[in-house]
Amino acid sequence: MKRFVRSEGYARARLVSGALFVLLGAIVIVRTLAVTGPSFGALPACVLGAAMIALGSLRYRDYLAARARR
């Protein structure tokens, strides 16, 4: 199992899911602000979108680290 988790293929799969998280996070933020405008009611959705973007960026960083190990 440890060898699979450290493989470049697994890191690439996580990169793809991270890219989807970034895309969905941006969509959540843009759609929320387009519908409600900047208000305190939109704050939870914007925080969720920002967290998804942060998760995607961490997955990209992990991918770069996995490529550097090889």
N, C-alpha and C. Protein backbone atom coordinates (compact mmCIF):
# COMPACT_ATOMS: atom_id res chain seq x y z
N MET A 1 0.83 -1.19 0.00
CA MET A 1 0.00 0.00 0.00
C MET A 1 0.87 1.25 0.00
N LYS A 2 1.94 1.24 0.76
CA LYS A 2 2.80 2.41 0.84
C LYS A 2 3.42 2.74 -0.51
N ARG A 3 3.77 1.70 -1.27
CA ARG A 3 4.36 1.91 -2.59
C ARG A 3 3.34 2.54 -3.54
N PHE A 4 2.09 2.13 -3.44
CA PHE A 4 1.04 2.71 -4.28
C PHE A 4 0.82 4.18 -3.96
N VAL A 5 0.78 4.51 -2.69
CA VAL A 5 0.53 5.89 -2.28
C VAL A 5 1.67 6.81 -2.70
N ARG A 6 2.87 6.29 -2.77
CA ARG A 6 4.02 7.10 -3.18
C ARG A 6 4.24 7.11 -4.69
N SER A 7 3.41 6.42 -5.44
CA SER A 7 3.61 6.34 -6.88
C SER A 7 3.21 7.65 -7.56
N GLU A 8 3.78 7.86 -8.74
CA GLU A 8 3.47 9.07 -9.48
C GLU A 8 2.06 9.03 -10.06
N GLY A 9 1.57 7.85 -10.38
CA GLY A 9 0.20 7.72 -10.88
C GLY A 9 -0.83 8.14 -9.85
N TYR A 10 -0.59 7.77 -8.60
CA TYR A 10 -1.51 8.17 -7.53
C TYR A 10 -1.45 9.68 -7.34
N ALA A 11 -0.24 10.25 -7.42
CA ALA A 11 -0.09 11.70 -7.29
C ALA A 11 -0.79 12.41 -8.44
N ARG A 12 -0.73 11.83 -9.63
CA ARG A 12 -1.41 12.42 -10.79
C ARG A 12 -2.93 12.37 -10.62
N ALA A 13 -3.43 11.28 -10.08
CA ALA A 13 -4.87 11.17 -9.83
C ALA A 13 -5.32 12.20 -8.80
N ARG A 14 -4.50 12.41 -7.78
CA ARG A 14 -4.82 13.44 -6.79
C ARG A 14 -4.74 14.83 -7.40
N LEU A 15 -3.84 15.02 -8.36
CA LEU A 15 -3.74 16.30 -9.05
C LEU A 15 -5.01 16.59 -9.84
N VAL A 16 -5.55 15.58 -10.49
CA VAL A 16 -6.79 15.75 -11.25
C VAL A 16 -7.94 16.09 -10.31
N SER A 17 -8.04 15.39 -9.19
CA SER A 17 -9.11 15.72 -8.25
C SER A 17 -8.89 17.11 -7.64
N GLY A 18 -7.63 17.49 -7.44
CA GLY A 18 -7.34 18.83 -6.94
C GLY A 18 -7.75 19.91 -7.93
N ALA A 19 -7.53 19.65 -9.22
CA ALA A 19 -7.95 20.61 -10.25
C ALA A 19 -9.47 20.74 -10.25
N LEU A 20 -10.16 19.63 -10.03
CA LEU A 20 -11.63 19.70 -9.94
C LEU A 20 -12.08 20.48 -8.71
N PHE A 21 -11.36 20.32 -7.60
CA PHE A 21 -11.69 21.10 -6.40
C PHE A 21 -11.52 22.60 -6.65
N VAL A 22 -10.43 22.98 -7.33
CA VAL A 22 -10.20 24.40 -7.64
C VAL A 22 -11.32 24.92 -8.54
N LEU A 23 -11.66 24.15 -9.55
CA LEU A 23 -12.72 24.57 -10.46
C LEU A 23 -14.06 24.71 -9.74
N LEU A 24 -14.42 23.72 -8.93
CA LEU A 24 -15.68 23.79 -8.20
C LEU A 24 -15.69 24.92 -7.17
N GLY A 25 -14.55 25.14 -6.51
CA GLY A 25 -14.46 26.24 -5.55
C GLY A 25 -14.67 27.58 -6.21
N ALA A 26 -14.05 27.76 -7.38
CA ALA A 26 -14.23 29.02 -8.11
C ALA A 26 -15.67 29.18 -8.57
N ILE A 27 -16.28 28.09 -9.01
CA ILE A 27 -17.67 28.16 -9.44
C ILE A 27 -18.58 28.52 -8.27
N VAL A 28 -18.34 27.93 -7.11
CA VAL A 28 -19.17 28.23 -5.93
C VAL A 28 -19.06 29.71 -5.57
N ILE A 29 -17.85 30.24 -5.59
CA ILE A 29 -17.67 31.65 -5.22
C ILE A 29 -18.32 32.57 -6.25
N VAL A 30 -18.06 32.32 -7.52
CA VAL A 30 -18.60 33.19 -8.56
C VAL A 30 -20.12 33.14 -8.60
N ARG A 31 -20.68 31.95 -8.55
CA ARG A 31 -22.14 31.84 -8.60
C ARG A 31 -22.81 32.46 -7.36
N THR A 32 -22.19 32.26 -6.21
CA THR A 32 -22.76 32.82 -5.00
C THR A 32 -22.76 34.34 -5.05
N LEU A 33 -21.62 34.90 -5.45
CA LEU A 33 -21.55 36.36 -5.51
C LEU A 33 -22.41 36.92 -6.64
N ALA A 34 -22.62 36.17 -7.71
CA ALA A 34 -23.48 36.64 -8.79
C ALA A 34 -24.94 36.66 -8.36
N VAL A 35 -25.33 35.69 -7.55
CA VAL A 35 -26.74 35.62 -7.14
C VAL A 35 -27.03 36.54 -5.98
N THR A 36 -26.20 36.51 -4.94
CA THR A 36 -26.50 37.27 -3.74
C THR A 36 -25.78 38.60 -3.65
N GLY A 37 -24.69 38.75 -4.39
CA GLY A 37 -23.88 39.95 -4.24
C GLY A 37 -23.03 39.83 -2.99
N PRO A 38 -22.16 40.79 -2.78
CA PRO A 38 -21.33 40.73 -1.57
C PRO A 38 -22.17 41.04 -0.32
N SER A 39 -22.43 40.00 0.46
CA SER A 39 -23.20 40.16 1.69
C SER A 39 -22.71 39.14 2.71
N PHE A 40 -23.11 39.34 3.95
CA PHE A 40 -22.71 38.40 4.99
C PHE A 40 -23.39 37.05 4.82
N GLY A 41 -24.49 37.00 4.13
CA GLY A 41 -25.18 35.74 3.88
C GLY A 41 -24.40 34.84 2.94
N ALA A 42 -23.54 35.44 2.13
CA ALA A 42 -22.75 34.67 1.17
C ALA A 42 -21.42 34.22 1.77
N LEU A 43 -21.13 34.63 2.97
CA LEU A 43 -19.83 34.32 3.58
C LEU A 43 -19.57 32.82 3.72
N PRO A 44 -20.49 31.99 4.21
CA PRO A 44 -20.19 30.56 4.31
C PRO A 44 -19.87 29.91 2.96
N ALA A 45 -20.58 30.29 1.93
CA ALA A 45 -20.31 29.71 0.60
C ALA A 45 -18.95 30.17 0.08
N CYS A 46 -18.59 31.41 0.34
CA CYS A 46 -17.28 31.90 -0.10
C CYS A 46 -16.15 31.23 0.67
N VAL A 47 -16.36 30.97 1.94
CA VAL A 47 -15.36 30.25 2.73
C VAL A 47 -15.22 28.82 2.22
N LEU A 48 -16.33 28.18 1.90
CA LEU A 48 -16.28 26.84 1.33
C LEU A 48 -15.52 26.84 0.01
N GLY A 49 -15.80 27.79 -0.85
CA GLY A 49 -15.10 27.87 -2.12
C GLY A 49 -13.60 28.11 -1.93
N ALA A 50 -13.25 28.97 -0.99
CA ALA A 50 -11.83 29.24 -0.72
C ALA A 50 -11.14 27.99 -0.16
N ALA A 51 -11.85 27.24 0.68
CA ALA A 51 -11.26 26.01 1.22
C ALA A 51 -11.04 24.98 0.13
N MET A 52 -11.95 24.90 -0.82
CA MET A 52 -11.78 23.96 -1.93
C MET A 52 -10.60 24.37 -2.81
N ILE A 53 -10.43 25.66 -3.03
CA ILE A 53 -9.29 26.14 -3.81
C ILE A 53 -7.99 25.85 -3.07
N ALA A 54 -7.98 26.04 -1.75
CA ALA A 54 -6.78 25.73 -0.96
C ALA A 54 -6.46 24.24 -1.01
N LEU A 55 -7.47 23.40 -0.94
CA LEU A 55 -7.24 21.95 -1.03
C LEU A 55 -6.64 21.58 -2.38
N GLY A 56 -7.14 22.18 -3.43
CA GLY A 56 -6.60 21.92 -4.76
C GLY A 56 -5.16 22.37 -4.89
N SER A 57 -4.82 23.50 -4.28
CA SER A 57 -3.43 23.97 -4.35
C SER A 57 -2.50 23.07 -3.54
N LEU A 58 -2.98 22.52 -2.44
CA LEU A 58 -2.16 21.58 -1.68
C LEU A 58 -1.94 20.29 -2.46
N ARG A 59 -2.93 19.85 -3.19
CA ARG A 59 -2.75 18.65 -4.01
C ARG A 59 -1.74 18.90 -5.12
N TYR A 60 -1.72 20.11 -5.68
CA TYR A 60 -0.74 20.45 -6.70
C TYR A 60 0.67 20.45 -6.09
N ARG A 61 0.80 20.98 -4.89
CA ARG A 61 2.09 20.97 -4.20
C ARG A 61 2.56 19.54 -3.93
N ASP A 62 1.65 18.66 -3.52
CA ASP A 62 2.00 17.25 -3.29
C ASP A 62 2.44 16.59 -4.59
N TYR A 63 1.80 16.94 -5.69
CA TYR A 63 2.19 16.37 -6.98
C TYR A 63 3.62 16.79 -7.34
N LEU A 64 3.93 18.07 -7.14
CA LEU A 64 5.28 18.54 -7.44
C LEU A 64 6.32 17.87 -6.55
N ALA A 65 5.97 17.62 -5.30
CA ALA A 65 6.90 16.94 -4.39
C ALA A 65 7.10 15.49 -4.82
N ALA A 66 6.06 14.83 -5.28
CA ALA A 66 6.17 13.44 -5.73
C ALA A 66 7.03 13.36 -6.98
N ARG A 67 6.91 14.33 -7.87
CA ARG A 67 7.76 14.34 -9.07
C ARG A 67 9.20 14.61 -8.72
N ALA A 68 9.43 15.43 -7.71
CA ALA A 68 10.81 15.74 -7.31
C ALA A 68 11.49 14.53 -6.68
N ARG A 69 10.72 13.66 -6.03
CA ARG A 69 11.30 12.46 -5.42
C ARG A 69 11.79 11.47 -6.46
N ARG A 70 11.21 11.50 -7.63
CA ARG A 70 11.57 10.53 -8.68
C ARG A 70 12.78 10.94 -9.38
